[in-house]
Amino acid sequence: MLDTNSNHSMNHVNLIGKVTSEPKFTQLENGRKVAKVSLATKEFYLDADGNMKSRSNWHILSAWGKWIKVLEEFGSVGAQVAVEGRLVSRFYNTQGQKKFVSEVEINDLILL
């Protein structure tokens, strides 16, 4: 059980959605590979008049290790997946501008 009176924190993300881009595979300078893919999720809500509405959200997923092979074989556009992971944020500079990126780093992935 989580002790809410301590300084513990949690970084845990669960998403179910559809892959919306072909995975992009990159080899880093240190030799490690990373795969990035976008995932769309949809949520439903009632507007002020009681009408059902939907809203889509897009998420960037990053994959390392064994998940790269899974995305190579099964990560095609339109695939429905469940993802468990953690939110990772970083800054980088490009063309003199500081950019901020948040993405979900995959710990587990299930094809639905």
N, C-alpha and C. Protein backbone atom coordinates (compact mmCIF):
# COMPACT_ATOMS: atom_id res chain seq x y z
N MET A 1 0.83 -1.17 0.00
CA MET A 1 0.00 0.00 0.00
C MET A 1 0.88 1.24 0.00
N LEU A 2 0.51 2.23 -0.76
CA LEU A 2 1.26 3.46 -0.88
C LEU A 2 1.04 4.34 0.34
N ASP A 3 2.12 4.76 0.97
CA ASP A 3 2.05 5.64 2.13
C ASP A 3 1.93 7.07 1.63
N THR A 4 0.75 7.66 1.74
CA THR A 4 0.51 9.01 1.22
C THR A 4 1.15 10.09 2.08
N ASN A 5 1.64 9.75 3.26
CA ASN A 5 2.28 10.72 4.13
C ASN A 5 3.79 10.79 3.91
N SER A 6 4.33 10.00 3.00
CA SER A 6 5.76 10.02 2.74
C SER A 6 6.07 10.85 1.50
N ASN A 7 7.32 10.87 1.13
CA ASN A 7 7.75 11.64 -0.04
C ASN A 7 7.78 10.80 -1.31
N HIS A 8 7.09 9.68 -1.33
CA HIS A 8 7.04 8.83 -2.52
C HIS A 8 6.25 9.51 -3.62
N SER A 9 6.62 9.23 -4.84
CA SER A 9 5.86 9.72 -5.98
C SER A 9 5.77 8.59 -7.01
N MET A 10 4.92 8.77 -8.00
CA MET A 10 4.70 7.73 -8.98
C MET A 10 4.62 8.33 -10.37
N ASN A 11 5.23 7.69 -11.33
CA ASN A 11 5.17 8.09 -12.73
C ASN A 11 4.71 6.87 -13.50
N HIS A 12 3.43 6.78 -13.76
CA HIS A 12 2.84 5.59 -14.39
C HIS A 12 1.77 6.02 -15.38
N VAL A 13 1.86 5.50 -16.60
CA VAL A 13 0.92 5.86 -17.67
C VAL A 13 0.34 4.58 -18.26
N ASN A 14 -0.98 4.55 -18.45
CA ASN A 14 -1.66 3.46 -19.15
C ASN A 14 -2.49 4.09 -20.26
N LEU A 15 -2.30 3.62 -21.49
CA LEU A 15 -3.04 4.14 -22.63
C LEU A 15 -3.54 2.99 -23.49
N ILE A 16 -4.72 3.16 -24.08
CA ILE A 16 -5.23 2.24 -25.10
C ILE A 16 -5.63 3.12 -26.27
N GLY A 17 -5.08 2.81 -27.43
CA GLY A 17 -5.39 3.63 -28.60
C GLY A 17 -4.90 2.99 -29.88
N LYS A 18 -4.89 3.81 -30.95
CA LYS A 18 -4.47 3.34 -32.27
C LYS A 18 -3.18 4.01 -32.69
N VAL A 19 -2.30 3.22 -33.27
CA VAL A 19 -1.05 3.73 -33.81
C VAL A 19 -1.38 4.62 -35.00
N THR A 20 -0.83 5.83 -35.03
CA THR A 20 -1.17 6.79 -36.09
C THR A 20 0.01 7.17 -36.97
N SER A 21 1.16 6.56 -36.74
CA SER A 21 2.32 6.82 -37.61
C SER A 21 3.15 5.55 -37.70
N GLU A 22 3.85 5.41 -38.81
CA GLU A 22 4.79 4.30 -38.92
C GLU A 22 5.92 4.56 -37.92
N PRO A 23 6.40 3.52 -37.25
CA PRO A 23 7.50 3.72 -36.30
C PRO A 23 8.74 4.27 -37.00
N LYS A 24 9.42 5.18 -36.33
CA LYS A 24 10.67 5.75 -36.82
C LYS A 24 11.79 5.21 -35.94
N PHE A 25 12.76 4.55 -36.57
CA PHE A 25 13.84 3.90 -35.84
C PHE A 25 15.11 4.72 -36.00
N THR A 26 15.78 4.96 -34.87
CA THR A 26 16.99 5.77 -34.88
C THR A 26 18.08 5.06 -34.10
N GLN A 27 19.29 5.08 -34.66
CA GLN A 27 20.44 4.57 -33.93
C GLN A 27 21.17 5.76 -33.33
N LEU A 28 21.37 5.73 -32.02
CA LEU A 28 22.01 6.82 -31.32
C LEU A 28 23.53 6.71 -31.40
N GLU A 29 24.22 7.78 -31.04
CA GLU A 29 25.69 7.80 -31.11
C GLU A 29 26.32 6.71 -30.26
N ASN A 30 25.66 6.34 -29.16
CA ASN A 30 26.21 5.31 -28.27
C ASN A 30 25.90 3.89 -28.76
N GLY A 31 25.25 3.76 -29.93
CA GLY A 31 24.95 2.46 -30.50
C GLY A 31 23.57 1.92 -30.16
N ARG A 32 22.90 2.47 -29.17
CA ARG A 32 21.55 2.02 -28.81
C ARG A 32 20.55 2.48 -29.87
N LYS A 33 19.49 1.69 -30.01
CA LYS A 33 18.42 2.05 -30.93
C LYS A 33 17.20 2.47 -30.14
N VAL A 34 16.44 3.39 -30.74
CA VAL A 34 15.18 3.83 -30.15
C VAL A 34 14.15 3.88 -31.27
N ALA A 35 12.93 3.55 -30.93
CA ALA A 35 11.83 3.65 -31.89
C ALA A 35 10.82 4.65 -31.33
N LYS A 36 10.26 5.46 -32.22
CA LYS A 36 9.22 6.42 -31.83
C LYS A 36 8.02 6.22 -32.73
N VAL A 37 6.85 6.32 -32.13
CA VAL A 37 5.60 6.13 -32.85
C VAL A 37 4.54 6.98 -32.16
N SER A 38 3.55 7.42 -32.90
CA SER A 38 2.47 8.19 -32.28
C SER A 38 1.26 7.31 -32.05
N LEU A 39 0.53 7.63 -31.00
CA LEU A 39 -0.65 6.88 -30.61
C LEU A 39 -1.78 7.88 -30.36
N ALA A 40 -2.95 7.59 -30.89
CA ALA A 40 -4.12 8.43 -30.66
C ALA A 40 -5.05 7.73 -29.68
N THR A 41 -5.52 8.49 -28.70
CA THR A 41 -6.53 7.99 -27.78
C THR A 41 -7.76 8.89 -27.92
N LYS A 42 -8.88 8.36 -27.55
CA LYS A 42 -10.13 9.12 -27.67
C LYS A 42 -10.86 9.06 -26.34
N GLU A 43 -11.37 10.21 -25.91
CA GLU A 43 -12.17 10.25 -24.70
C GLU A 43 -13.54 10.84 -25.03
N PHE A 44 -14.53 10.42 -24.29
CA PHE A 44 -15.90 10.87 -24.52
C PHE A 44 -16.38 11.65 -23.31
N TYR A 45 -17.21 12.67 -23.59
CA TYR A 45 -17.74 13.50 -22.52
C TYR A 45 -19.06 14.12 -22.97
N LEU A 46 -19.80 14.64 -22.02
CA LEU A 46 -21.05 15.35 -22.31
C LEU A 46 -20.76 16.85 -22.32
N ASP A 47 -21.26 17.54 -23.36
CA ASP A 47 -21.09 18.99 -23.39
C ASP A 47 -22.14 19.64 -22.49
N ALA A 48 -22.15 20.96 -22.43
CA ALA A 48 -23.05 21.69 -21.55
C ALA A 48 -24.53 21.42 -21.86
N ASP A 49 -24.83 21.03 -23.12
CA ASP A 49 -26.22 20.72 -23.51
C ASP A 49 -26.57 19.26 -23.35
N GLY A 50 -25.64 18.45 -22.82
CA GLY A 50 -25.90 17.03 -22.61
C GLY A 50 -25.63 16.16 -23.83
N ASN A 51 -25.00 16.74 -24.87
CA ASN A 51 -24.67 15.97 -26.07
C ASN A 51 -23.33 15.25 -25.89
N MET A 52 -23.29 14.00 -26.37
CA MET A 52 -22.06 13.22 -26.29
C MET A 52 -21.06 13.76 -27.30
N LYS A 53 -19.86 14.05 -26.85
CA LYS A 53 -18.78 14.56 -27.69
C LYS A 53 -17.56 13.67 -27.49
N SER A 54 -16.65 13.75 -28.44
CA SER A 54 -15.39 13.03 -28.29
C SER A 54 -14.24 13.98 -28.55
N ARG A 55 -13.12 13.65 -27.93
CA ARG A 55 -11.91 14.45 -28.07
C ARG A 55 -10.75 13.47 -28.25
N SER A 56 -9.91 13.73 -29.24
CA SER A 56 -8.74 12.88 -29.48
C SER A 56 -7.50 13.53 -28.90
N ASN A 57 -6.60 12.69 -28.43
CA ASN A 57 -5.30 13.14 -27.94
C ASN A 57 -4.24 12.29 -28.62
N TRP A 58 -3.12 12.92 -28.93
CA TRP A 58 -2.02 12.21 -29.57
C TRP A 58 -0.85 12.17 -28.61
N HIS A 59 -0.19 11.02 -28.56
CA HIS A 59 0.91 10.79 -27.64
C HIS A 59 2.10 10.25 -28.43
N ILE A 60 3.29 10.66 -28.06
CA ILE A 60 4.50 10.11 -28.64
C ILE A 60 4.97 8.99 -27.72
N LEU A 61 5.20 7.82 -28.30
CA LEU A 61 5.72 6.68 -27.55
C LEU A 61 7.17 6.45 -27.95
N SER A 62 8.00 6.11 -26.98
CA SER A 62 9.38 5.72 -27.29
C SER A 62 9.60 4.30 -26.79
N ALA A 63 10.34 3.55 -27.58
CA ALA A 63 10.56 2.14 -27.27
C ALA A 63 12.06 1.84 -27.32
N TRP A 64 12.49 1.01 -26.40
CA TRP A 64 13.87 0.58 -26.30
C TRP A 64 13.90 -0.94 -26.21
N GLY A 65 15.04 -1.52 -26.44
CA GLY A 65 15.23 -2.96 -26.23
C GLY A 65 14.28 -3.81 -27.04
N LYS A 66 13.65 -4.79 -26.38
CA LYS A 66 12.78 -5.76 -27.07
C LYS A 66 11.58 -5.11 -27.73
N TRP A 67 11.16 -3.94 -27.25
CA TRP A 67 9.97 -3.30 -27.82
C TRP A 67 10.23 -2.75 -29.22
N ILE A 68 11.49 -2.52 -29.56
CA ILE A 68 11.82 -2.10 -30.92
C ILE A 68 11.44 -3.19 -31.90
N LYS A 69 11.80 -4.43 -31.59
CA LYS A 69 11.46 -5.56 -32.47
C LYS A 69 9.95 -5.73 -32.61
N VAL A 70 9.22 -5.56 -31.51
CA VAL A 70 7.75 -5.66 -31.56
C VAL A 70 7.19 -4.60 -32.50
N LEU A 71 7.67 -3.37 -32.39
CA LEU A 71 7.18 -2.31 -33.26
C LEU A 71 7.59 -2.53 -34.72
N GLU A 72 8.78 -3.10 -34.94
CA GLU A 72 9.20 -3.40 -36.31
C GLU A 72 8.23 -4.37 -36.97
N GLU A 73 7.77 -5.36 -36.21
CA GLU A 73 6.91 -6.41 -36.76
C GLU A 73 5.43 -6.04 -36.76
N PHE A 74 4.98 -5.35 -35.72
CA PHE A 74 3.53 -5.19 -35.53
C PHE A 74 3.06 -3.75 -35.37
N GLY A 75 3.96 -2.78 -35.45
CA GLY A 75 3.59 -1.40 -35.15
C GLY A 75 3.06 -0.61 -36.32
N SER A 76 2.24 -1.21 -37.14
CA SER A 76 1.74 -0.52 -38.33
C SER A 76 0.60 0.43 -37.98
N VAL A 77 0.40 1.42 -38.84
CA VAL A 77 -0.67 2.40 -38.65
C VAL A 77 -2.01 1.67 -38.55
N GLY A 78 -2.81 2.07 -37.57
CA GLY A 78 -4.13 1.47 -37.37
C GLY A 78 -4.16 0.36 -36.34
N ALA A 79 -2.99 -0.16 -35.96
CA ALA A 79 -2.96 -1.21 -34.94
C ALA A 79 -3.46 -0.65 -33.62
N GLN A 80 -4.32 -1.41 -32.94
CA GLN A 80 -4.80 -0.99 -31.63
C GLN A 80 -3.92 -1.65 -30.58
N VAL A 81 -3.42 -0.84 -29.64
CA VAL A 81 -2.50 -1.33 -28.63
C VAL A 81 -2.86 -0.79 -27.26
N ALA A 82 -2.45 -1.54 -26.25
CA ALA A 82 -2.48 -1.07 -24.87
C ALA A 82 -1.03 -0.89 -24.45
N VAL A 83 -0.73 0.25 -23.85
CA VAL A 83 0.64 0.58 -23.47
C VAL A 83 0.68 0.91 -21.99
N GLU A 84 1.69 0.38 -21.33
CA GLU A 84 1.97 0.75 -19.96
C GLU A 84 3.39 1.30 -19.97
N GLY A 85 3.58 2.43 -19.31
CA GLY A 85 4.91 3.02 -19.31
C GLY A 85 5.02 4.16 -18.32
N ARG A 86 5.98 5.04 -18.61
CA ARG A 86 6.20 6.21 -17.76
C ARG A 86 6.39 7.43 -18.63
N LEU A 87 6.02 8.57 -18.10
CA LEU A 87 6.17 9.83 -18.82
C LEU A 87 7.59 10.34 -18.65
N VAL A 88 8.24 10.63 -19.78
CA VAL A 88 9.61 11.14 -19.78
C VAL A 88 9.61 12.48 -20.50
N SER A 89 10.22 13.49 -19.88
CA SER A 89 10.29 14.82 -20.47
C SER A 89 11.75 15.22 -20.62
N ARG A 90 12.05 15.95 -21.70
CA ARG A 90 13.43 16.40 -21.92
C ARG A 90 13.42 17.67 -22.75
N PHE A 91 14.52 18.38 -22.67
CA PHE A 91 14.75 19.58 -23.46
C PHE A 91 15.86 19.29 -24.45
N TYR A 92 15.81 19.95 -25.60
CA TYR A 92 16.90 19.90 -26.55
C TYR A 92 16.91 21.20 -27.34
N ASN A 93 18.04 21.48 -27.96
CA ASN A 93 18.17 22.70 -28.77
C ASN A 93 18.22 22.33 -30.24
N THR A 94 17.49 23.07 -31.05
CA THR A 94 17.53 22.89 -32.49
C THR A 94 17.44 24.26 -33.14
N GLN A 95 18.36 24.53 -34.00
CA GLN A 95 18.42 25.81 -34.71
C GLN A 95 18.33 26.99 -33.75
N GLY A 96 19.03 26.86 -32.60
CA GLY A 96 19.09 27.93 -31.63
C GLY A 96 17.86 28.09 -30.76
N GLN A 97 16.88 27.20 -30.89
CA GLN A 97 15.67 27.28 -30.08
C GLN A 97 15.60 26.09 -29.13
N LYS A 98 15.21 26.37 -27.89
CA LYS A 98 15.04 25.32 -26.90
C LYS A 98 13.67 24.67 -27.10
N LYS A 99 13.66 23.36 -27.23
CA LYS A 99 12.42 22.60 -27.42
C LYS A 99 12.19 21.69 -26.22
N PHE A 100 10.92 21.47 -25.91
CA PHE A 100 10.51 20.61 -24.81
C PHE A 100 9.69 19.47 -25.37
N VAL A 101 9.98 18.25 -24.96
CA VAL A 101 9.26 17.07 -25.45
C VAL A 101 8.87 16.20 -24.26
N SER A 102 7.64 15.72 -24.26
CA SER A 102 7.21 14.69 -23.31
C SER A 102 6.75 13.50 -24.13
N GLU A 103 7.15 12.32 -23.69
CA GLU A 103 6.75 11.10 -24.39
C GLU A 103 6.58 9.98 -23.38
N VAL A 104 5.86 8.97 -23.80
CA VAL A 104 5.63 7.80 -22.95
C VAL A 104 6.66 6.74 -23.33
N GLU A 105 7.50 6.39 -22.37
CA GLU A 105 8.49 5.34 -22.58
C GLU A 105 7.83 4.00 -22.25
N ILE A 106 7.81 3.10 -23.21
CA ILE A 106 7.08 1.84 -23.10
C ILE A 106 7.78 0.88 -22.13
N ASN A 107 7.02 0.39 -21.16
CA ASN A 107 7.47 -0.71 -20.30
C ASN A 107 6.81 -2.02 -20.72
N ASP A 108 5.57 -1.91 -21.23
CA ASP A 108 4.84 -3.09 -21.68
C ASP A 108 3.88 -2.66 -22.78
N LEU A 109 3.68 -3.52 -23.75
CA LEU A 109 2.82 -3.23 -24.89
C LEU A 109 2.06 -4.48 -25.26
N ILE A 110 0.77 -4.35 -25.46
CA ILE A 110 -0.08 -5.49 -25.84
C ILE A 110 -0.83 -5.09 -27.11
N LEU A 111 -0.74 -5.94 -28.14
CA LEU A 111 -1.52 -5.74 -29.36
C LEU A 111 -2.93 -6.23 -29.10
N LEU A 112 -3.90 -5.40 -29.41
CA LEU A 112 -5.31 -5.76 -29.18
C LEU A 112 -6.00 -6.21 -30.44
